[in-house]
């Protein structure tokens, strides 16, 4: 399995796309008549918007509202994250 993963990600590099996303791409060769432009295959997209959406979804499945998680003054929003020694309200 590990050798398959190594061979799948061979000759790959990180690239920033024009819309601001960072992608792991594999170059596939020159574009015909493209004056040096290259075709590429996008393997993985790393996006801040996707990361925020997936974290919201994981909080939702845990039964925590995202805005309660982000508000620091709510003592019951996420009790495990209280500092040690902080009094309960």
PDB file of N, CA and C in Angstrom:
ATOM      1  N   UNK A   1       0.820  -1.192   0.000  1.00  0.00           N
ATOM      2  CA  UNK A   1       0.000   0.000   0.000  1.00  0.00           C
ATOM      3  C   UNK A   1       0.864   1.257   0.000  1.00  0.00           C
ATOM      4  N   UNK A   2       1.921   1.250   0.799  1.00  0.00           N
ATOM      5  CA  UNK A   2       2.783   2.411   0.879  1.00  0.00           C
ATOM      6  C   UNK A   2       3.534   2.630  -0.435  1.00  0.00           C
ATOM      7  N   UNK A   3       3.935   1.554  -1.088  1.00  0.00           N
ATOM      8  CA  UNK A   3       4.622   1.708  -2.366  1.00  0.00           C
ATOM      9  C   UNK A   3       3.681   2.262  -3.437  1.00  0.00           C
ATOM     10  N   UNK A   4       2.398   1.913  -3.349  1.00  0.00           N
ATOM     11  CA  UNK A   4       1.419   2.467  -4.280  1.00  0.00           C
ATOM     12  C   UNK A   4       1.278   3.967  -4.070  1.00  0.00           C
ATOM     13  N   UNK A   5       1.234   4.396  -2.804  1.00  0.00           N
ATOM     14  CA  UNK A   5       1.113   5.821  -2.504  1.00  0.00           C
ATOM     15  C   UNK A   5       2.346   6.580  -2.969  1.00  0.00           C
ATOM     16  N   UNK A   6       3.518   5.998  -2.779  1.00  0.00           N
ATOM     17  CA  UNK A   6       4.748   6.648  -3.233  1.00  0.00           C
ATOM     18  C   UNK A   6       4.757   6.798  -4.744  1.00  0.00           C
ATOM     19  N   UNK A   7       4.314   5.775  -5.444  1.00  0.00           N
ATOM     20  CA  UNK A   7       4.316   5.859  -6.907  1.00  0.00           C
ATOM     21  C   UNK A   7       3.215   6.793  -7.417  1.00  0.00           C
ATOM     22  N   UNK A   8       2.125   6.925  -6.674  1.00  0.00           N
ATOM     23  CA  UNK A   8       1.037   7.806  -7.093  1.00  0.00           C
ATOM     24  C   UNK A   8       1.433   9.274  -6.989  1.00  0.00           C
ATOM     25  N   UNK A   9       2.181   9.629  -5.954  1.00  0.00           N
ATOM     26  CA  UNK A   9       2.568  11.015  -5.743  1.00  0.00           C
ATOM     27  C   UNK A   9       3.960  11.340  -6.274  1.00  0.00           C
ATOM     28  N   UNK A  10       4.512  10.500  -7.117  1.00  0.00           N
ATOM     29  CA  UNK A  10       5.813  10.770  -7.722  1.00  0.00           C
ATOM     30  C   UNK A  10       5.663  11.895  -8.744  1.00  0.00           C
ATOM     31  N   UNK A  11       6.666  12.735  -8.841  1.00  0.00           N
ATOM     32  CA  UNK A  11       6.697  13.866  -9.782  1.00  0.00           C
ATOM     33  C   UNK A  11       5.546  14.844  -9.547  1.00  0.00           C
ATOM     34  N   UNK A  12       5.190  15.069  -8.292  1.00  0.00           N
ATOM     35  CA  UNK A  12       4.141  16.018  -7.940  1.00  0.00           C
ATOM     36  C   UNK A  12       4.753  17.234  -7.257  1.00  0.00           C
ATOM     37  N   UNK A  13       4.031  18.345  -7.303  1.00  0.00           N
ATOM     38  CA  UNK A  13       4.504  19.556  -6.638  1.00  0.00           C
ATOM     39  C   UNK A  13       3.306  20.385  -6.200  1.00  0.00           C
ATOM     40  N   UNK A  14       3.555  21.290  -5.241  1.00  0.00           N
ATOM     41  CA  UNK A  14       2.528  22.217  -4.791  1.00  0.00           C
ATOM     42  C   UNK A  14       2.505  23.417  -5.723  1.00  0.00           C
ATOM     43  N   UNK A  15       1.314  23.876  -6.054  1.00  0.00           N
ATOM     44  CA  UNK A  15       1.168  25.048  -6.916  1.00  0.00           C
ATOM     45  C   UNK A  15      -0.007  25.880  -6.419  1.00  0.00           C
ATOM     46  N   UNK A  16       0.130  27.201  -6.527  1.00  0.00           N
ATOM     47  CA  UNK A  16      -0.962  28.104  -6.164  1.00  0.00           C
ATOM     48  C   UNK A  16      -1.741  28.434  -7.423  1.00  0.00           C
ATOM     49  N   UNK A  17      -3.030  28.161  -7.403  1.00  0.00           N
ATOM     50  CA  UNK A  17      -3.883  28.405  -8.559  1.00  0.00           C
ATOM     51  C   UNK A  17      -4.312  29.868  -8.601  1.00  0.00           C
ATOM     52  N   UNK A  18      -4.907  30.270  -9.699  1.00  0.00           N
ATOM     53  CA  UNK A  18      -5.305  31.673  -9.873  1.00  0.00           C
ATOM     54  C   UNK A  18      -6.440  32.082  -8.942  1.00  0.00           C
ATOM     55  N   UNK A  19      -7.228  31.129  -8.439  1.00  0.00           N
ATOM     56  CA  UNK A  19      -8.316  31.464  -7.521  1.00  0.00           C
ATOM     57  C   UNK A  19      -7.864  31.447  -6.061  1.00  0.00           C
ATOM     58  N   UNK A  20      -6.586  31.241  -5.801  1.00  0.00           N
ATOM     59  CA  UNK A  20      -6.045  31.301  -4.454  1.00  0.00           C
ATOM     60  C   UNK A  20      -5.884  29.967  -3.764  1.00  0.00           C
ATOM     61  N   UNK A  21      -6.378  28.897  -4.348  1.00  0.00           N
ATOM     62  CA  UNK A  21      -6.235  27.578  -3.738  1.00  0.00           C
ATOM     63  C   UNK A  21      -4.831  27.049  -3.970  1.00  0.00           C
ATOM     64  N   UNK A  22      -4.372  26.245  -3.030  1.00  0.00           N
ATOM     65  CA  UNK A  22      -3.092  25.569  -3.180  1.00  0.00           C
ATOM     66  C   UNK A  22      -3.405  24.120  -3.522  1.00  0.00           C
ATOM     67  N   UNK A  23      -2.796  23.611  -4.589  1.00  0.00           N
ATOM     68  CA  UNK A  23      -3.093  22.267  -5.066  1.00  0.00           C
ATOM     69  C   UNK A  23      -1.815  21.451  -5.190  1.00  0.00           C
ATOM     70  N   UNK A  24      -1.964  20.168  -5.045  1.00  0.00           N
ATOM     71  CA  UNK A  24      -0.898  19.238  -5.363  1.00  0.00           C
ATOM     72  C   UNK A  24      -1.146  18.792  -6.794  1.00  0.00           C
ATOM     73  N   UNK A  25      -0.219  19.109  -7.713  1.00  0.00           N
ATOM     74  CA  UNK A  25      -0.451  18.833  -9.128  1.00  0.00           C
ATOM     75  C   UNK A  25       0.660  17.967  -9.697  1.00  0.00           C
ATOM     76  N   UNK A  26       0.332  17.326 -10.815  1.00  0.00           N
ATOM     77  CA  UNK A  26       1.307  16.546 -11.577  1.00  0.00           C
ATOM     78  C   UNK A  26       1.318  17.103 -12.996  1.00  0.00           C
ATOM     79  N   UNK A  27       2.495  17.526 -13.447  1.00  0.00           N
ATOM     80  CA  UNK A  27       2.620  18.036 -14.806  1.00  0.00           C
ATOM     81  C   UNK A  27       2.497  16.892 -15.801  1.00  0.00           C
ATOM     82  N   UNK A  28       1.798  17.151 -16.924  1.00  0.00           N
ATOM     83  CA  UNK A  28       1.573  16.103 -17.905  1.00  0.00           C
ATOM     84  C   UNK A  28       2.168  16.415 -19.267  1.00  0.00           C
ATOM     85  N   UNK A  29       2.852  17.506 -19.388  1.00  0.00           N
ATOM     86  CA  UNK A  29       3.503  17.800 -20.659  1.00  0.00           C
ATOM     87  C   UNK A  29       3.083  19.146 -21.210  1.00  0.00           C
ATOM     88  N   UNK A  30       3.654  19.479 -22.327  1.00  0.00           N
ATOM     89  CA  UNK A  30       3.417  20.779 -22.927  1.00  0.00           C
ATOM     90  C   UNK A  30       2.094  20.844 -23.679  1.00  0.00           C
ATOM     91  N   UNK A  31       1.492  22.028 -23.666  1.00  0.00           N
ATOM     92  CA  UNK A  31       0.295  22.298 -24.445  1.00  0.00           C
ATOM     93  C   UNK A  31       0.728  22.526 -25.887  1.00  0.00           C
ATOM     94  N   UNK A  32       0.042  21.920 -26.832  1.00  0.00           N
ATOM     95  CA  UNK A  32       0.412  22.060 -28.228  1.00  0.00           C
ATOM     96  C   UNK A  32       0.160  23.501 -28.690  1.00  0.00           C
ATOM     97  N   UNK A  33       1.198  24.173 -29.130  1.00  0.00           N
ATOM     98  CA  UNK A  33       1.091  25.563 -29.561  1.00  0.00           C
ATOM     99  C   UNK A  33       0.894  26.536 -28.416  1.00  0.00           C
ATOM    100  N   UNK A  34       1.231  26.123 -27.198  1.00  0.00           N
ATOM    101  CA  UNK A  34       0.968  26.949 -26.018  1.00  0.00           C
ATOM    102  C   UNK A  34       2.134  27.781 -25.552  1.00  0.00           C
ATOM    103  N   UNK A  35       3.211  27.823 -26.303  1.00  0.00           N
ATOM    104  CA  UNK A  35       4.384  28.645 -25.982  1.00  0.00           C
ATOM    105  C   UNK A  35       4.926  28.364 -24.586  1.00  0.00           C
ATOM    106  N   UNK A  36       5.072  27.115 -24.256  1.00  0.00           N
ATOM    107  CA  UNK A  36       5.669  26.736 -22.976  1.00  0.00           C
ATOM    108  C   UNK A  36       4.682  26.422 -21.867  1.00  0.00           C
ATOM    109  N   UNK A  37       3.383  26.576 -22.108  1.00  0.00           N
ATOM    110  CA  UNK A  37       2.398  26.217 -21.091  1.00  0.00           C
ATOM    111  C   UNK A  37       2.328  24.703 -20.932  1.00  0.00           C
ATOM    112  N   UNK A  38       1.972  24.267 -19.733  1.00  0.00           N
ATOM    113  CA  UNK A  38       1.918  22.831 -19.462  1.00  0.00           C
ATOM    114  C   UNK A  38       0.515  22.411 -19.030  1.00  0.00           C
ATOM    115  N   UNK A  39       0.129  21.203 -19.442  1.00  0.00           N
ATOM    116  CA  UNK A  39      -1.068  20.577 -18.891  1.00  0.00           C
ATOM    117  C   UNK A  39      -0.717  20.087 -17.488  1.00  0.00           C
ATOM    118  N   UNK A  40      -1.702  20.044 -16.593  1.00  0.00           N
ATOM    119  CA  UNK A  40      -1.460  19.469 -15.278  1.00  0.00           C
ATOM    120  C   UNK A  40      -2.712  18.740 -14.808  1.00  0.00           C
ATOM    121  N   UNK A  41      -2.496  17.804 -13.903  1.00  0.00           N
ATOM    122  CA  UNK A  41      -3.586  17.045 -13.288  1.00  0.00           C
ATOM    123  C   UNK A  41      -3.618  17.424 -11.815  1.00  0.00           C
ATOM    124  N   UNK A  42      -4.762  17.875 -11.323  1.00  0.00           N
ATOM    125  CA  UNK A  42      -4.901  18.250  -9.914  1.00  0.00           C
ATOM    126  C   UNK A  42      -5.189  16.981  -9.119  1.00  0.00           C
ATOM    127  N   UNK A  43      -4.333  16.704  -8.128  1.00  0.00           N
ATOM    128  CA  UNK A  43      -4.514  15.510  -7.309  1.00  0.00           C
ATOM    129  C   UNK A  43      -5.260  15.822  -6.015  1.00  0.00           C
ATOM    130  N   UNK A  44      -4.840  16.875  -5.313  1.00  0.00           N
ATOM    131  CA  UNK A  44      -5.467  17.260  -4.048  1.00  0.00           C
ATOM    132  C   UNK A  44      -5.574  18.780  -4.021  1.00  0.00           C
ATOM    133  N   UNK A  45      -6.711  19.294  -3.549  1.00  0.00           N
ATOM    134  CA  UNK A  45      -6.916  20.735  -3.411  1.00  0.00           C
ATOM    135  C   UNK A  45      -6.901  21.075  -1.927  1.00  0.00           C
ATOM    136  N   UNK A  46      -6.041  22.008  -1.532  1.00  0.00           N
ATOM    137  CA  UNK A  46      -5.976  22.495  -0.161  1.00  0.00           C
ATOM    138  C   UNK A  46      -6.601  23.883  -0.152  1.00  0.00           C
ATOM    139  N   UNK A  47      -7.785  24.014   0.438  1.00  0.00           N
ATOM    140  CA  UNK A  47      -8.522  25.268   0.406  1.00  0.00           C
ATOM    141  C   UNK A  47      -8.935  25.659   1.817  1.00  0.00           C
ATOM    142  N   UNK A  48      -8.801  26.940   2.148  1.00  0.00           N
ATOM    143  CA  UNK A  48      -9.232  27.433   3.452  1.00  0.00           C
ATOM    144  C   UNK A  48     -10.745  27.294   3.590  1.00  0.00           C
ATOM    145  N   UNK A  49     -11.472  27.546   2.529  1.00  0.00           N
ATOM    146  CA  UNK A  49     -12.926  27.439   2.554  1.00  0.00           C
ATOM    147  C   UNK A  49     -13.359  25.995   2.841  1.00  0.00           C
ATOM    148  N   UNK A  50     -12.668  25.027   2.228  1.00  0.00           N
ATOM    149  CA  UNK A  50     -12.990  23.629   2.462  1.00  0.00           C
ATOM    150  C   UNK A  50     -12.656  23.240   3.901  1.00  0.00           C
ATOM    151  N   UNK A  51     -11.528  23.734   4.416  1.00  0.00           N
ATOM    152  CA  UNK A  51     -11.131  23.431   5.782  1.00  0.00           C
ATOM    153  C   UNK A  51     -12.147  23.971   6.779  1.00  0.00           C
ATOM    154  N   UNK A  52     -12.636  25.190   6.549  1.00  0.00           N
ATOM    155  CA  UNK A  52     -13.644  25.775   7.431  1.00  0.00           C
ATOM    156  C   UNK A  52     -14.951  24.988   7.373  1.00  0.00           C
ATOM    157  N   UNK A  53     -15.349  24.585   6.173  1.00  0.00           N
ATOM    158  CA  UNK A  53     -16.595  23.823   6.023  1.00  0.00           C
ATOM    159  C   UNK A  53     -16.499  22.464   6.704  1.00  0.00           C
ATOM    160  N   UNK A  54     -15.367  21.792   6.574  1.00  0.00           N
ATOM    161  CA  UNK A  54     -15.226  20.475   7.196  1.00  0.00           C
ATOM    162  C   UNK A  54     -15.150  20.586   8.712  1.00  0.00           C
ATOM    163  N   UNK A  55     -14.525  21.655   9.238  1.00  0.00           N
ATOM    164  CA  UNK A  55     -14.492  21.815  10.694  1.00  0.00           C
ATOM    165  C   UNK A  55     -15.880  22.138  11.233  1.00  0.00           C
ATOM    166  N   UNK A  56     -16.654  22.946  10.486  1.00  0.00           N
ATOM    167  CA  UNK A  56     -18.026  23.229  10.893  1.00  0.00           C
ATOM    168  C   UNK A  56     -18.855  21.946  10.926  1.00  0.00           C
ATOM    169  N   UNK A  57     -18.648  21.098   9.924  1.00  0.00           N
ATOM    170  CA  UNK A  57     -19.399  19.848   9.856  1.00  0.00           C
ATOM    171  C   UNK A  57     -19.029  18.918  11.005  1.00  0.00           C
ATOM    172  N   UNK A  58     -17.750  18.848  11.360  1.00  0.00           N
ATOM    173  CA  UNK A  58     -17.346  17.977  12.467  1.00  0.00           C
ATOM    174  C   UNK A  58     -17.872  18.496  13.798  1.00  0.00           C
ATOM    175  N   UNK A  59     -17.913  19.827  13.969  1.00  0.00           N
ATOM    176  CA  UNK A  59     -18.512  20.387  15.181  1.00  0.00           C
ATOM    177  C   UNK A  59     -20.006  20.093  15.233  1.00  0.00           C
ATOM    178  N   UNK A  60     -20.651  20.143  14.066  1.00  0.00           N
ATOM    179  CA  UNK A  60     -22.095  19.890  14.007  1.00  0.00           C
ATOM    180  C   UNK A  60     -22.417  18.453  14.392  1.00  0.00           C
ATOM    181  N   UNK A  61     -21.593  17.510  13.950  1.00  0.00           N
ATOM    182  CA  UNK A  61     -21.834  16.110  14.304  1.00  0.00           C
ATOM    183  C   UNK A  61     -21.559  15.856  15.777  1.00  0.00           C
ATOM    184  N   UNK A  62     -20.693  16.685  16.386  1.00  0.00           N
ATOM    185  CA  UNK A  62     -20.423  16.554  17.821  1.00  0.00           C
ATOM    186  C   UNK A  62     -21.495  17.241  18.662  1.00  0.00           C
ATOM    187  N   UNK A  63     -22.409  17.967  18.016  1.00  0.00           N
ATOM    188  CA  UNK A  63     -23.488  18.630  18.738  1.00  0.00           C
ATOM    189  C   UNK A  63     -23.104  19.991  19.275  1.00  0.00           C
ATOM    190  N   UNK A  64     -22.080  20.610  18.714  1.00  0.00           N
ATOM    191  CA  UNK A  64     -21.620  21.923  19.162  1.00  0.00           C
ATOM    192  C   UNK A  64     -21.858  22.910  18.037  1.00  0.00           C
ATOM    193  N   UNK A  65     -22.482  24.045  18.358  1.00  0.00           N
ATOM    194  CA  UNK A  65     -22.650  25.082  17.348  1.00  0.00           C
ATOM    195  C   UNK A  65     -21.321  25.787  17.145  1.00  0.00           C
ATOM    196  N   UNK A  66     -21.016  26.146  15.918  1.00  0.00           N
ATOM    197  CA  UNK A  66     -19.732  26.757  15.603  1.00  0.00           C
ATOM    198  C   UNK A  66     -19.553  28.085  16.310  1.00  0.00           C
ATOM    199  N   UNK A  67     -20.604  28.865  16.412  1.00  0.00           N
ATOM    200  CA  UNK A  67     -20.454  30.167  17.064  1.00  0.00           C
ATOM    201  C   UNK A  67     -20.229  30.010  18.556  1.00  0.00           C
ATOM    202  N   UNK A  68     -20.771  28.961  19.187  1.00  0.00           N
ATOM    203  CA  UNK A  68     -20.497  28.707  20.602  1.00  0.00           C
ATOM    204  C   UNK A  68     -19.063  28.265  20.809  1.00  0.00           C
ATOM    205  N   UNK A  69     -18.531  27.559  19.843  1.00  0.00           N
ATOM    206  CA  UNK A  69     -17.149  27.094  19.940  1.00  0.00           C
ATOM    207  C   UNK A  69     -16.179  28.259  19.833  1.00  0.00           C
ATOM    208  N   UNK A  70     -16.527  29.262  19.039  1.00  0.00           N
ATOM    209  CA  UNK A  70     -15.637  30.388  18.819  1.00  0.00           C
ATOM    210  C   UNK A  70     -15.724  31.451  19.909  1.00  0.00           C
ATOM    211  N   UNK A  71     -16.809  31.498  20.649  1.00  0.00           N
ATOM    212  CA  UNK A  71     -16.967  32.487  21.708  1.00  0.00           C
ATOM    213  C   UNK A  71     -16.228  31.986  22.942  1.00  0.00           C
ATOM    214  N   UNK A  72     -15.310  32.778  23.451  1.00  0.00           N
ATOM    215  CA  UNK A  72     -14.480  32.328  24.572  1.00  0.00           C
ATOM    216  C   UNK A  72     -15.146  32.528  25.929  1.00  0.00           C
ATOM    217  N   UNK A  73     -16.091  33.446  26.043  1.00  0.00           N
ATOM    218  CA  UNK A  73     -16.675  33.766  27.338  1.00  0.00           C
ATOM    219  C   UNK A  73     -17.764  32.805  27.767  1.00  0.00           C
ATOM    220  N   UNK A  74     -18.173  31.907  26.909  1.00  0.00           N
ATOM    221  CA  UNK A  74     -19.209  30.949  27.277  1.00  0.00           C
ATOM    222  C   UNK A  74     -18.544  29.773  27.983  1.00  0.00           C
ATOM    223  N   UNK A  75     -18.799  29.575  29.263  1.00  0.00           N
ATOM    224  CA  UNK A  75     -18.115  28.508  29.993  1.00  0.00           C
ATOM    225  C   UNK A  75     -18.590  27.105  29.609  1.00  0.00           C
ATOM    226  N   UNK A  76     -19.827  26.955  29.161  1.00  0.00           N
ATOM    227  CA  UNK A  76     -20.348  25.622  28.869  1.00  0.00           C
ATOM    228  C   UNK A  76     -20.230  25.244  27.401  1.00  0.00           C
ATOM    229  N   UNK A  77     -19.623  26.085  26.571  1.00  0.00           N
ATOM    230  CA  UNK A  77     -19.532  25.789  25.149  1.00  0.00           C
ATOM    231  C   UNK A  77     -18.669  24.560  24.907  1.00  0.00           C
ATOM    232  N   UNK A  78     -17.525  24.523  25.549  1.00  0.00           N
ATOM    233  CA  UNK A  78     -16.636  23.374  25.381  1.00  0.00           C
ATOM    234  C   UNK A  78     -15.832  23.236  26.671  1.00  0.00           C
ATOM    235  N   UNK A  79     -16.368  22.574  27.695  1.00  0.00           N
ATOM    236  CA  UNK A  79     -15.748  22.572  29.016  1.00  0.00           C
ATOM    237  C   UNK A  79     -14.350  21.967  29.050  1.00  0.00           C
ATOM    238  N   UNK A  80     -14.015  21.095  28.134  1.00  0.00           N
ATOM    239  CA  UNK A  80     -12.695  20.458  28.168  1.00  0.00           C
ATOM    240  C   UNK A  80     -11.581  21.440  27.830  1.00  0.00           C
ATOM    241  N   UNK A  81     -11.917  22.568  27.212  1.00  0.00           N
ATOM    242  CA  UNK A  81     -10.897  23.510  26.803  1.00  0.00           C
ATOM    243  C   UNK A  81     -10.643  24.603  27.850  1.00  0.00           C
ATOM    244  N   UNK A  82     -11.342  24.535  29.015  1.00  0.00           N
ATOM    245  CA  UNK A  82     -11.095  25.518  30.069  1.00  0.00           C
ATOM    246  C   UNK A  82      -9.685  25.332  30.614  1.00  0.00           C
ATOM    247  N   UNK A  83      -9.082  26.405  31.002  1.00  0.00           N
ATOM    248  CA  UNK A  83      -7.748  26.314  31.577  1.00  0.00           C
ATOM    249  C   UNK A  83      -7.854  25.651  32.952  1.00  0.00           C
ATOM    250  N   UNK A  84      -6.781  24.964  33.316  1.00  0.00           N
ATOM    251  CA  UNK A  84      -6.735  24.307  34.633  1.00  0.00           C
ATOM    252  C   UNK A  84      -6.672  25.398  35.693  1.00  0.00           C
ATOM    253  N   UNK A  85      -7.467  25.279  36.699  1.00  0.00           N
ATOM    254  CA  UNK A  85      -7.482  26.253  37.775  1.00  0.00           C
ATOM    255  C   UNK A  85      -8.527  27.327  37.571  1.00  0.00           C
ATOM    256  N   UNK A  86      -9.177  27.360  36.440  1.00  0.00           N
ATOM    257  CA  UNK A  86     -10.219  28.366  36.199  1.00  0.00           C
ATOM    258  C   UNK A  86     -11.488  27.909  36.912  1.00  0.00           C
ATOM    259  N   UNK A  87     -12.130  28.832  37.589  1.00  0.00           N
ATOM    260  CA  UNK A  87     -13.337  28.495  38.344  1.00  0.00           C
ATOM    261  C   UNK A  87     -14.510  28.263  37.412  1.00  0.00           C
ATOM    262  N   UNK A  88     -15.400  27.368  37.819  1.00  0.00           N
ATOM    263  CA  UNK A  88     -16.635  27.160  37.057  1.00  0.00           C
ATOM    264  C   UNK A  88     -17.583  28.298  37.349  1.00  0.00           C
ATOM    265  N   UNK A  89     -18.373  28.713  36.393  1.00  0.00           N
ATOM    266  CA  UNK A  89     -19.321  29.808  36.557  1.00  0.00           C
ATOM    267  C   UNK A  89     -20.683  29.270  36.847  1.00  0.00           C
TER     268      UNK A  89
END
